[in-house]
Amino acid sequence: MEAYRPTANEDFMNAAQLAYFRQKLLNWKDEILRESEGTMAQLKTGPMREADLTDRASSETDWGIELRTRDRQRKLISKIDAALRRIETGEYGYCEVTGEPIAIARLEARPIATMTVEAQERHERQERISRDD
């Protein structure tokens, strides 16, 4: 199964494609969780003890960035879990707005995608208009 790559020439979301995307999502989630474990281990080693005020400030900034990254990844895990649920319910790969199939290339690049490129662009335009009001 390692060499398999979904193509647009197959039946959309056939069993092989679903298995492929399920494994891709699970691998992505595992990778994020491993990175998070490394961060947690570093946090448990104790507080920063840099004597120099500038070094301490730099370390605190680095940790702030690291923690924001982990928070984004936590949110990403919930999106991955939602995609895995859509695979189980048969909704994966179909646009939540139009019901049309999402291009395989888009799912390859962003396996948590819930909209076609066109629907996503419309959604983002609407968000910009709403923000500008």
C-alpha atoms as a PDB file:
ATOM      1  CA  MET A   1       0.000   0.000   0.000  1.00  0.00           C
ATOM      2  CA  GLU A   2       3.044   2.292   0.482  1.00  0.00           C
ATOM      3  CA  ALA A   3       3.420   2.869  -3.270  1.00  0.00           C
ATOM      4  CA  TYR A   4      -0.269   3.604  -3.878  1.00  0.00           C
ATOM      5  CA  ARG A   5      -1.176   7.163  -4.877  1.00  0.00           C
ATOM      6  CA  PRO A   6      -4.796   8.151  -5.543  1.00  0.00           C
ATOM      7  CA  THR A   7      -5.573   9.533  -8.981  1.00  0.00           C
ATOM      8  CA  ALA A   8      -8.504  11.322 -10.564  1.00  0.00           C
ATOM      9  CA  ASN A   9      -8.896   8.376 -12.989  1.00  0.00           C
ATOM     10  CA  GLU A  10     -10.301   6.096 -10.263  1.00  0.00           C
ATOM     11  CA  ASP A  11     -13.752   5.941  -8.734  1.00  0.00           C
ATOM     12  CA  PHE A  12     -13.826   8.853  -6.299  1.00  0.00           C
ATOM     13  CA  MET A  13     -13.320   7.848  -2.662  1.00  0.00           C
ATOM     14  CA  ASN A  14     -13.098   4.137  -3.405  1.00  0.00           C
ATOM     15  CA  ALA A  15     -11.869   1.822  -0.630  1.00  0.00           C
ATOM     16  CA  ALA A  16      -8.184   2.268  -1.598  1.00  0.00           C
ATOM     17  CA  GLN A  17      -8.448   6.062  -1.559  1.00  0.00           C
ATOM     18  CA  LEU A  18     -10.229   6.065   1.790  1.00  0.00           C
ATOM     19  CA  ALA A  19      -7.603   3.743   3.293  1.00  0.00           C
ATOM     20  CA  TYR A  20      -4.832   5.935   1.834  1.00  0.00           C
ATOM     21  CA  PHE A  21      -6.223   9.163   3.297  1.00  0.00           C
ATOM     22  CA  ARG A  22      -7.039   7.506   6.640  1.00  0.00           C
ATOM     23  CA  GLN A  23      -3.409   6.375   6.940  1.00  0.00           C
ATOM     24  CA  LYS A  24      -2.116   9.782   5.812  1.00  0.00           C
ATOM     25  CA  LEU A  25      -4.208  11.491   8.498  1.00  0.00           C
ATOM     26  CA  LEU A  26      -3.174   9.000  11.202  1.00  0.00           C
ATOM     27  CA  ASN A  27       0.512   9.420  10.324  1.00  0.00           C
ATOM     28  CA  TRP A  28       0.168  13.220  10.453  1.00  0.00           C
ATOM     29  CA  LYS A  29      -1.539  13.039  13.836  1.00  0.00           C
ATOM     30  CA  ASP A  30       1.170  10.701  15.211  1.00  0.00           C
ATOM     31  CA  GLU A  31       3.893  13.062  14.006  1.00  0.00           C
ATOM     32  CA  ILE A  32       2.248  16.029  15.756  1.00  0.00           C
ATOM     33  CA  LEU A  33       1.800  14.049  18.965  1.00  0.00           C
ATOM     34  CA  ARG A  34       5.487  12.985  18.953  1.00  0.00           C
ATOM     35  CA  GLU A  35       6.560  16.627  18.553  1.00  0.00           C
ATOM     36  CA  SER A  36       4.247  17.621  21.402  1.00  0.00           C
ATOM     37  CA  GLU A  37       5.766  14.984  23.678  1.00  0.00           C
ATOM     38  CA  GLY A  38       9.193  16.526  23.052  1.00  0.00           C
ATOM     39  CA  THR A  39       7.893  19.950  24.035  1.00  0.00           C
ATOM     40  CA  MET A  40       6.264  18.579  27.179  1.00  0.00           C
ATOM     41  CA  ALA A  41       9.482  16.807  28.172  1.00  0.00           C
ATOM     42  CA  GLN A  42      11.396  20.074  27.780  1.00  0.00           C
ATOM     43  CA  LEU A  43       8.819  21.962  29.849  1.00  0.00           C
ATOM     44  CA  LYS A  44       9.134  19.393  32.637  1.00  0.00           C
ATOM     45  CA  THR A  45      12.904  19.863  32.886  1.00  0.00           C
ATOM     46  CA  GLY A  46      12.228  22.970  34.900  1.00  0.00           C
ATOM     47  CA  PRO A  47      12.268  26.726  34.638  1.00  0.00           C
ATOM     48  CA  MET A  48      14.751  28.686  32.584  1.00  0.00           C
ATOM     49  CA  ARG A  49      17.812  29.615  34.556  1.00  0.00           C
ATOM     50  CA  GLU A  50      19.692  31.953  32.223  1.00  0.00           C
ATOM     51  CA  ALA A  51      21.606  34.446  34.344  1.00  0.00           C
ATOM     52  CA  ASP A  52      21.655  37.097  31.636  1.00  0.00           C
ATOM     53  CA  LEU A  53      18.419  39.060  31.394  1.00  0.00           C
ATOM     54  CA  THR A  54      18.652  39.247  27.592  1.00  0.00           C
ATOM     55  CA  ASP A  55      19.164  35.480  27.309  1.00  0.00           C
ATOM     56  CA  ARG A  56      16.208  34.863  29.616  1.00  0.00           C
ATOM     57  CA  ALA A  57      13.975  37.201  27.589  1.00  0.00           C
ATOM     58  CA  SER A  58      15.046  35.458  24.390  1.00  0.00           C
ATOM     59  CA  SER A  59      14.278  32.042  25.909  1.00  0.00           C
ATOM     60  CA  GLU A  60      10.866  33.208  27.091  1.00  0.00           C
ATOM     61  CA  THR A  61      10.085  34.511  23.605  1.00  0.00           C
ATOM     62  CA  ASP A  62      11.165  31.182  22.105  1.00  0.00           C
ATOM     63  CA  TRP A  63       8.940  29.299  24.548  1.00  0.00           C
ATOM     64  CA  GLY A  64       6.024  31.585  23.757  1.00  0.00           C
ATOM     65  CA  ILE A  65       6.409  30.810  20.070  1.00  0.00           C
ATOM     66  CA  GLU A  66       6.749  27.086  20.817  1.00  0.00           C
ATOM     67  CA  LEU A  67       3.595  27.065  22.941  1.00  0.00           C
ATOM     68  CA  ARG A  68       1.593  28.980  20.298  1.00  0.00           C
ATOM     69  CA  THR A  69       2.782  26.432  17.733  1.00  0.00           C
ATOM     70  CA  ARG A  70       1.631  23.588  19.980  1.00  0.00           C
ATOM     71  CA  ASP A  71      -1.750  25.288  20.414  1.00  0.00           C
ATOM     72  CA  ARG A  72      -2.151  25.511  16.626  1.00  0.00           C
ATOM     73  CA  GLN A  73      -1.203  21.847  16.400  1.00  0.00           C
ATOM     74  CA  ARG A  74      -3.784  20.958  19.069  1.00  0.00           C
ATOM     75  CA  LYS A  75      -6.425  22.623  16.894  1.00  0.00           C
ATOM     76  CA  LEU A  76      -5.042  20.782  13.867  1.00  0.00           C
ATOM     77  CA  ILE A  77      -5.450  17.459  15.671  1.00  0.00           C
ATOM     78  CA  SER A  78      -9.145  18.205  16.177  1.00  0.00           C
ATOM     79  CA  LYS A  79      -9.437  18.886  12.418  1.00  0.00           C
ATOM     80  CA  ILE A  80      -7.625  15.611  11.680  1.00  0.00           C
ATOM     81  CA  ASP A  81     -10.019  13.775  14.028  1.00  0.00           C
ATOM     82  CA  ALA A  82     -12.971  15.411  12.249  1.00  0.00           C
ATOM     83  CA  ALA A  83     -11.583  14.263   8.881  1.00  0.00           C
ATOM     84  CA  LEU A  84     -11.207  10.711  10.220  1.00  0.00           C
ATOM     85  CA  ARG A  85     -14.859  10.827  11.357  1.00  0.00           C
ATOM     86  CA  ARG A  86     -15.877  12.004   7.859  1.00  0.00           C
ATOM     87  CA  ILE A  87     -14.066   8.963   6.409  1.00  0.00           C
ATOM     88  CA  GLU A  88     -16.113   6.710   8.721  1.00  0.00           C
ATOM     89  CA  THR A  89     -19.409   8.393   7.803  1.00  0.00           C
ATOM     90  CA  GLY A  90     -18.715   8.483   4.047  1.00  0.00           C
ATOM     91  CA  GLU A  91     -18.577  12.286   3.890  1.00  0.00           C
ATOM     92  CA  TYR A  92     -14.796  12.584   3.403  1.00  0.00           C
ATOM     93  CA  GLY A  93     -13.665  14.162   0.159  1.00  0.00           C
ATOM     94  CA  TYR A  94     -16.917  15.969  -0.520  1.00  0.00           C
ATOM     95  CA  CYS A  95     -17.376  19.727  -0.158  1.00  0.00           C
ATOM     96  CA  GLU A  96     -19.447  20.637   2.901  1.00  0.00           C
ATOM     97  CA  VAL A  97     -20.932  23.575   0.969  1.00  0.00           C
ATOM     98  CA  THR A  98     -21.644  22.220  -2.512  1.00  0.00           C
ATOM     99  CA  GLY A  99     -21.474  18.449  -2.004  1.00  0.00           C
ATOM    100  CA  GLU A 100     -19.093  18.218  -4.970  1.00  0.00           C
ATOM    101  CA  PRO A 101     -15.960  16.052  -4.816  1.00  0.00           C
ATOM    102  CA  ILE A 102     -12.845  17.876  -3.589  1.00  0.00           C
ATOM    103  CA  ALA A 103      -9.961  17.447  -6.040  1.00  0.00           C
ATOM    104  CA  ILE A 104      -7.559  14.624  -5.154  1.00  0.00           C
ATOM    105  CA  ALA A 105      -4.627  17.042  -5.536  1.00  0.00           C
ATOM    106  CA  ARG A 106      -6.208  19.354  -2.938  1.00  0.00           C
ATOM    107  CA  LEU A 107      -6.761  16.455  -0.534  1.00  0.00           C
ATOM    108  CA  GLU A 108      -3.158  15.344  -1.056  1.00  0.00           C
ATOM    109  CA  ALA A 109      -1.939  18.834  -0.148  1.00  0.00           C
ATOM    110  CA  ARG A 110      -4.489  19.409   2.630  1.00  0.00           C
ATOM    111  CA  PRO A 111      -6.117  16.152   3.718  1.00  0.00           C
ATOM    112  CA  ILE A 112      -8.305  18.015   6.235  1.00  0.00           C
ATOM    113  CA  ALA A 113      -9.916  20.153   3.495  1.00  0.00           C
ATOM    114  CA  THR A 114     -13.687  20.404   3.830  1.00  0.00           C
ATOM    115  CA  MET A 115     -14.394  22.558   0.769  1.00  0.00           C
ATOM    116  CA  THR A 116     -13.469  22.673  -2.892  1.00  0.00           C
ATOM    117  CA  VAL A 117     -11.024  25.423  -3.843  1.00  0.00           C
ATOM    118  CA  GLU A 118     -13.864  27.438  -5.368  1.00  0.00           C
ATOM    119  CA  ALA A 119     -16.074  27.160  -2.270  1.00  0.00           C
ATOM    120  CA  GLN A 120     -13.101  28.028  -0.032  1.00  0.00           C
ATOM    121  CA  GLU A 121     -12.340  31.127  -2.121  1.00  0.00           C
ATOM    122  CA  ARG A 122     -15.991  32.249  -1.923  1.00  0.00           C
ATOM    123  CA  HIS A 123     -15.956  31.662   1.828  1.00  0.00           C
ATOM    124  CA  GLU A 124     -12.774  33.722   2.254  1.00  0.00           C
ATOM    125  CA  ARG A 125     -14.182  36.558   0.106  1.00  0.00           C
ATOM    126  CA  GLN A 126     -17.308  36.612   2.263  1.00  0.00           C
ATOM    127  CA  GLU A 127     -15.175  36.707   5.419  1.00  0.00           C
ATOM    128  CA  ARG A 128     -13.193  39.673   4.056  1.00  0.00           C
ATOM    129  CA  ILE A 129     -16.370  41.523   3.157  1.00  0.00           C
ATOM    130  CA  SER A 130     -17.828  40.846   6.608  1.00  0.00           C
ATOM    131  CA  ARG A 131     -14.643  42.045   8.299  1.00  0.00           C
ATOM    132  CA  ASP A 132     -14.597  45.235   6.249  1.00  0.00           C
ATOM    133  CA  ASP A 133     -18.163  46.148   7.226  1.00  0.00           C
END
